[in-house]
Amino acid sequence: MELNYVKSGAGYPVIILHGLFGMLDNWKSITRSLEEKFTVYLIDQRNHGKSPHLPEHSYQLMADDLNHFFIQQQIASAHIIGHSMGGKTAMQFALQHPQKVDKLVVVDMGIKRYNGGHDSIFDALRALDLTSIHSRKDAEKEMAEKVVDITVQQFLLKNLTRETNGNYSWKFNLEALSANYDNEILAPIKISEKYSGEVLFVRGGKSNYILNKDWDTIQHVFPNAVLNTVKDSGHWVHAEKPEELLKILFAFFS
């Protein structure tokens, strides 16, 4: 697996993993500050961005992809930041390769199975007839009929790309993500033993991904974990409150 990535900065390595329907570009604003002190690797996970699109999609596979990336780049250990789906990938990797993780940051994601919430998005993406779209405005108009939230609309449409033949396509593998959503993407991480390293969980104050009642279970698996809540932020903490998140990250990494 040859994952697409962008490397910048100099210093101790920091690897950043995006969430579902995302790509490495989502974290570029955060990277501009981090790269002043660290070597930052922004990665497209499988079935997203410019990384390979394959039928299989699971946290075990994505953790394996990340381990292969460490070997390819000759990275002995690194700090890892994972958001949402990327957070579960990062946790799975840390549990299986603890010696390769210095400090782990999980942004708005728990270890449990989730009940869904993306069905309307999948429906909207499937309903968008890419063969009939002649401009990005056409896509925006059609997407607005299914997805009311403008922020979500724009987030999804960042994945729309125009091929050399003029046709539009998605940067993510919609078929694979849809097929693996219920059984794999919503699934809990696989726990064989505890991870004793330092872990920072960051949640949005307006998000319900990490509830107070989840914390005891999280700390059982990650006994040295701490929790930081960013007020007035939803699930996309890095986009909604970047300055607050950066302060938290620099304090944790120092």
Protein backbone atom coordinates (compact mmCIF):
# COMPACT_ATOMS: atom_id res chain seq x y z
CA MET A 1 0.00 0.00 0.00
CA GLU A 2 1.56 3.27 -1.16
CA LEU A 3 -0.28 5.98 0.75
CA ASN A 4 -0.34 9.48 -0.67
CA TYR A 5 1.24 12.01 1.68
CA VAL A 6 2.72 15.48 1.99
CA LYS A 7 5.80 16.07 4.13
CA SER A 8 6.82 19.46 5.51
CA GLY A 9 8.79 21.10 8.29
CA ALA A 10 11.72 19.81 10.33
CA GLY A 11 12.01 18.15 13.71
CA TYR A 12 10.40 15.21 15.48
CA PRO A 13 7.83 13.50 13.22
CA VAL A 14 4.10 14.13 13.60
CA ILE A 15 1.66 12.08 11.53
CA ILE A 16 -1.89 13.33 10.93
CA LEU A 17 -4.81 11.12 9.89
CA HIS A 18 -8.05 12.66 8.59
CA GLY A 19 -11.63 11.45 9.10
CA LEU A 20 -14.32 9.86 6.95
CA PHE A 21 -14.84 11.63 3.58
CA GLY A 22 -11.76 13.72 4.35
CA MET A 23 -8.27 14.03 2.92
CA LEU A 24 -4.91 15.40 3.90
CA ASP A 25 -5.85 18.93 2.75
CA ASN A 26 -8.27 19.19 5.69
CA TRP A 27 -5.36 19.65 8.10
CA LYS A 28 -3.14 22.02 6.11
CA SER A 29 -3.94 25.08 8.25
CA ILE A 30 -2.93 23.20 11.42
CA THR A 31 0.19 21.91 9.67
CA ARG A 32 1.45 25.41 8.87
CA SER A 33 1.92 26.01 12.59
CA LEU A 34 3.11 22.53 13.54
CA GLU A 35 5.79 22.42 10.85
CA GLU A 36 7.66 25.23 12.61
CA LYS A 37 8.74 22.69 15.24
CA PHE A 38 8.02 19.29 13.72
CA THR A 39 8.31 17.25 10.56
CA VAL A 40 4.67 16.79 9.64
CA TYR A 41 3.31 13.97 7.49
CA LEU A 42 -0.19 14.56 6.18
CA ILE A 43 -1.60 11.26 4.92
CA ASP A 44 -4.53 10.30 2.70
CA GLN A 45 -5.90 7.09 4.20
CA ARG A 46 -6.97 4.27 1.88
CA ASN A 47 -10.06 4.99 -0.21
CA HIS A 48 -9.58 8.73 0.32
CA GLY A 49 -7.79 11.44 -1.63
CA LYS A 50 -4.99 10.22 -3.86
CA SER A 51 -4.29 7.02 -1.94
CA PRO A 52 -5.28 3.67 -3.49
CA HIS A 53 -8.97 2.85 -3.80
CA LEU A 54 -9.66 -0.76 -2.84
CA PRO A 55 -12.79 -2.75 -1.94
CA GLU A 56 -11.56 -3.50 1.60
CA HIS A 57 -11.76 -0.89 4.34
CA SER A 58 -11.24 -1.53 8.06
CA TYR A 59 -9.30 -0.13 11.01
CA GLN A 60 -7.03 -3.15 11.02
CA LEU A 61 -6.17 -2.57 7.37
CA MET A 62 -5.64 1.14 7.92
CA ALA A 63 -3.40 0.41 10.91
CA ASP A 64 -1.44 -2.01 8.71
CA ASP A 65 -1.22 0.70 6.03
CA LEU A 66 0.20 3.09 8.61
CA ASN A 67 2.75 0.54 9.82
CA HIS A 68 3.88 0.05 6.22
CA PHE A 69 4.19 3.84 5.93
CA PHE A 70 6.46 3.93 9.01
CA ILE A 71 8.67 1.28 7.41
CA GLN A 72 8.74 3.05 4.03
CA GLN A 73 9.65 6.39 5.54
CA GLN A 74 12.08 4.82 8.04
CA ILE A 75 10.25 6.42 10.97
CA ALA A 76 11.19 4.78 14.26
CA SER A 77 8.56 6.59 16.32
CA ALA A 78 6.29 9.61 16.01
CA HIS A 79 3.51 11.61 17.55
CA ILE A 80 0.21 10.70 15.88
CA ILE A 81 -2.91 12.86 15.53
CA GLY A 82 -6.09 11.19 14.33
CA HIS A 83 -9.49 12.78 13.80
CA SER A 84 -12.73 10.77 13.81
CA MET A 85 -12.11 7.71 11.60
CA GLY A 86 -8.42 8.61 11.68
CA GLY A 87 -8.60 8.61 15.46
CA LYS A 88 -9.70 4.98 15.49
CA THR A 89 -6.93 4.10 13.03
CA ALA A 90 -4.41 5.81 15.31
CA MET A 91 -5.70 4.01 18.41
CA GLN A 92 -5.64 0.63 16.64
CA PHE A 93 -2.07 1.30 15.53
CA ALA A 94 -0.96 2.37 19.02
CA LEU A 95 -2.39 -0.77 20.60
CA GLN A 96 -0.52 -2.99 18.14
CA HIS A 97 2.69 -0.96 17.71
CA PRO A 98 3.16 0.90 21.01
CA GLN A 99 6.91 1.28 20.49
CA LYS A 100 6.27 3.39 17.40
CA VAL A 101 3.98 5.92 19.09
CA ASP A 102 5.45 8.60 21.31
CA LYS A 103 2.33 10.66 22.05
CA LEU A 104 -1.14 9.99 20.68
CA VAL A 105 -3.84 12.59 20.05
CA VAL A 106 -7.39 11.46 19.29
CA VAL A 107 -9.69 14.24 18.11
CA ASP A 108 -13.39 13.70 18.80
CA MET A 109 -13.59 9.93 18.57
CA GLY A 110 -14.12 7.15 21.10
CA ILE A 111 -13.27 3.46 21.07
CA LYS A 112 -16.87 2.20 20.91
CA ARG A 113 -19.18 1.20 18.09
CA TYR A 114 -21.30 4.07 16.81
CA ASN A 115 -24.90 3.97 15.64
CA GLY A 116 -24.35 5.75 12.35
CA GLY A 117 -25.42 9.19 11.30
CA HIS A 118 -24.01 9.32 7.78
CA ASP A 119 -26.90 7.62 5.99
CA SER A 120 -28.28 10.91 4.66
CA ILE A 121 -24.83 11.84 3.37
CA PHE A 122 -24.42 8.53 1.56
CA ASP A 123 -27.89 9.02 0.06
CA ALA A 124 -26.98 12.52 -1.11
CA LEU A 125 -23.70 11.36 -2.65
CA ARG A 126 -25.37 8.48 -4.47
CA ALA A 127 -28.15 10.76 -5.72
CA LEU A 128 -25.67 13.16 -7.28
CA ASP A 129 -25.47 12.17 -10.95
CA LEU A 130 -21.87 12.99 -11.82
CA THR A 131 -22.47 12.32 -15.53
CA SER A 132 -24.95 15.21 -15.70
CA ILE A 133 -22.77 17.76 -13.90
CA HIS A 134 -21.08 20.36 -16.07
CA SER A 135 -19.72 22.65 -13.35
CA ARG A 136 -19.13 22.80 -9.61
CA LYS A 137 -22.16 25.07 -9.32
CA ASP A 138 -24.31 22.27 -10.74
CA ALA A 139 -23.01 19.99 -7.99
CA GLU A 140 -23.60 22.59 -5.30
CA LYS A 141 -27.18 23.07 -6.45
CA GLU A 142 -27.94 19.34 -6.43
CA MET A 143 -26.15 18.77 -3.12
CA ALA A 144 -28.13 21.58 -1.46
CA GLU A 145 -31.35 19.67 -2.13
CA LYS A 146 -30.14 16.77 0.04
CA VAL A 147 -27.69 18.32 2.51
CA VAL A 148 -28.95 21.43 4.29
CA ASP A 149 -25.82 22.26 6.28
CA ILE A 150 -23.62 24.49 4.09
CA THR A 151 -20.46 23.52 5.98
CA VAL A 152 -21.09 19.82 5.31
CA GLN A 153 -21.91 20.60 1.66
CA GLN A 154 -18.59 22.36 1.14
CA PHE A 155 -16.66 19.69 3.04
CA LEU A 156 -18.04 16.96 0.78
CA LEU A 157 -17.63 18.93 -2.43
CA LYS A 158 -13.93 19.45 -1.75
CA ASN A 159 -13.72 15.82 -2.86
CA LEU A 160 -15.17 16.57 -6.26
CA THR A 161 -12.53 16.50 -8.97
CA ARG A 162 -12.61 16.96 -12.73
CA GLU A 163 -10.93 14.35 -14.89
CA THR A 164 -8.93 15.12 -18.03
CA ASN A 165 -11.91 14.09 -20.14
CA GLY A 166 -14.06 16.73 -18.45
CA ASN A 167 -16.11 14.31 -16.35
CA TYR A 168 -16.40 14.67 -12.57
CA SER A 169 -15.57 12.03 -9.99
CA TRP A 170 -15.08 11.69 -6.23
CA LYS A 171 -11.66 11.63 -4.63
CA PHE A 172 -12.97 9.10 -2.12
CA ASN A 173 -14.11 5.57 -2.96
CA LEU A 174 -17.84 5.97 -2.38
CA GLU A 175 -18.63 2.33 -3.19
CA ALA A 176 -16.09 0.90 -0.74
CA LEU A 177 -16.96 3.33 2.06
CA SER A 178 -20.65 2.61 1.68
CA ALA A 179 -20.15 -1.16 1.56
CA ASN A 180 -17.95 -1.17 4.68
CA TYR A 181 -19.77 1.51 6.66
CA ASP A 182 -21.97 -0.61 8.95
CA ASN A 183 -19.59 -3.48 9.66
CA GLU A 184 -16.23 -1.71 9.67
CA ILE A 185 -16.34 2.10 9.87
CA LEU A 186 -18.87 2.16 12.71
CA ALA A 187 -17.12 -0.72 14.47
CA PRO A 188 -15.19 -0.42 17.73
CA ILE A 189 -11.43 -0.80 17.74
CA LYS A 190 -10.07 -4.28 18.42
CA ILE A 191 -8.61 -4.41 21.92
CA SER A 192 -6.09 -7.11 22.83
CA GLU A 193 -4.19 -5.21 25.52
CA LYS A 194 -3.83 -1.74 27.02
CA TYR A 195 -1.71 1.11 25.66
CA SER A 196 0.26 2.72 28.49
CA GLY A 197 1.66 5.69 26.57
CA GLU A 198 0.50 9.29 26.85
CA VAL A 199 -2.81 9.93 25.09
CA LEU A 200 -4.77 13.13 24.68
CA PHE A 201 -8.44 12.96 23.76
CA VAL A 202 -9.84 16.24 22.44
CA ARG A 203 -13.61 16.54 22.07
CA GLY A 204 -15.88 19.28 20.82
CA GLY A 205 -18.15 20.68 23.48
CA LYS A 206 -21.09 20.53 21.07
CA SER A 207 -20.25 17.03 19.82
CA ASN A 208 -21.61 13.75 21.16
CA TYR A 209 -18.82 11.48 19.93
CA ILE A 210 -17.18 11.25 23.38
CA LEU A 211 -19.72 11.28 26.20
CA ASN A 212 -18.88 11.53 29.89
CA LYS A 213 -20.13 7.96 30.37
CA ASP A 214 -17.58 6.74 27.78
CA TRP A 215 -14.56 7.94 29.72
CA ASP A 216 -14.15 5.06 32.19
CA THR A 217 -14.05 2.56 29.33
CA ILE A 218 -11.57 4.69 27.40
CA GLN A 219 -9.27 5.00 30.41
CA HIS A 220 -9.39 1.24 30.97
CA VAL A 221 -7.75 0.78 27.55
CA PHE A 222 -5.66 3.97 27.70
CA PRO A 223 -4.82 4.38 31.40
CA ASN A 224 -2.61 7.44 30.83
CA ALA A 225 -5.22 9.31 28.79
CA VAL A 226 -6.43 12.83 29.54
CA LEU A 227 -9.48 14.58 28.14
CA ASN A 228 -9.70 18.17 26.92
CA THR A 229 -13.01 19.70 25.83
CA VAL A 230 -13.02 22.59 23.36
CA LYS A 231 -16.08 24.70 24.11
CA ASP A 232 -18.32 25.93 21.29
CA SER A 233 -16.86 23.39 18.86
CA GLY A 234 -18.56 20.54 17.08
CA HIS A 235 -17.00 17.41 15.59
CA TRP A 236 -14.53 19.24 13.29
CA VAL A 237 -12.46 20.81 16.06
CA HIS A 238 -9.47 21.45 13.78
CA ALA A 239 -11.62 23.47 11.38
CA GLU A 240 -13.89 25.20 13.88
CA LYS A 241 -11.37 26.09 16.60
CA PRO A 242 -7.88 25.76 15.08
CA GLU A 243 -6.13 28.21 17.42
CA GLU A 244 -7.50 26.50 20.52
CA LEU A 245 -6.52 23.09 19.18
CA LEU A 246 -2.99 24.26 18.36
CA LYS A 247 -2.47 25.55 21.91
CA ILE A 248 -3.58 22.18 23.25
CA LEU A 249 -1.32 20.28 20.84
CA PHE A 250 1.82 22.31 21.54
CA ALA A 251 1.28 22.01 25.28
CA PHE A 252 0.84 18.25 25.02
CA PHE A 253 3.80 17.66 22.73
CA SER A 254 6.12 19.79 24.87
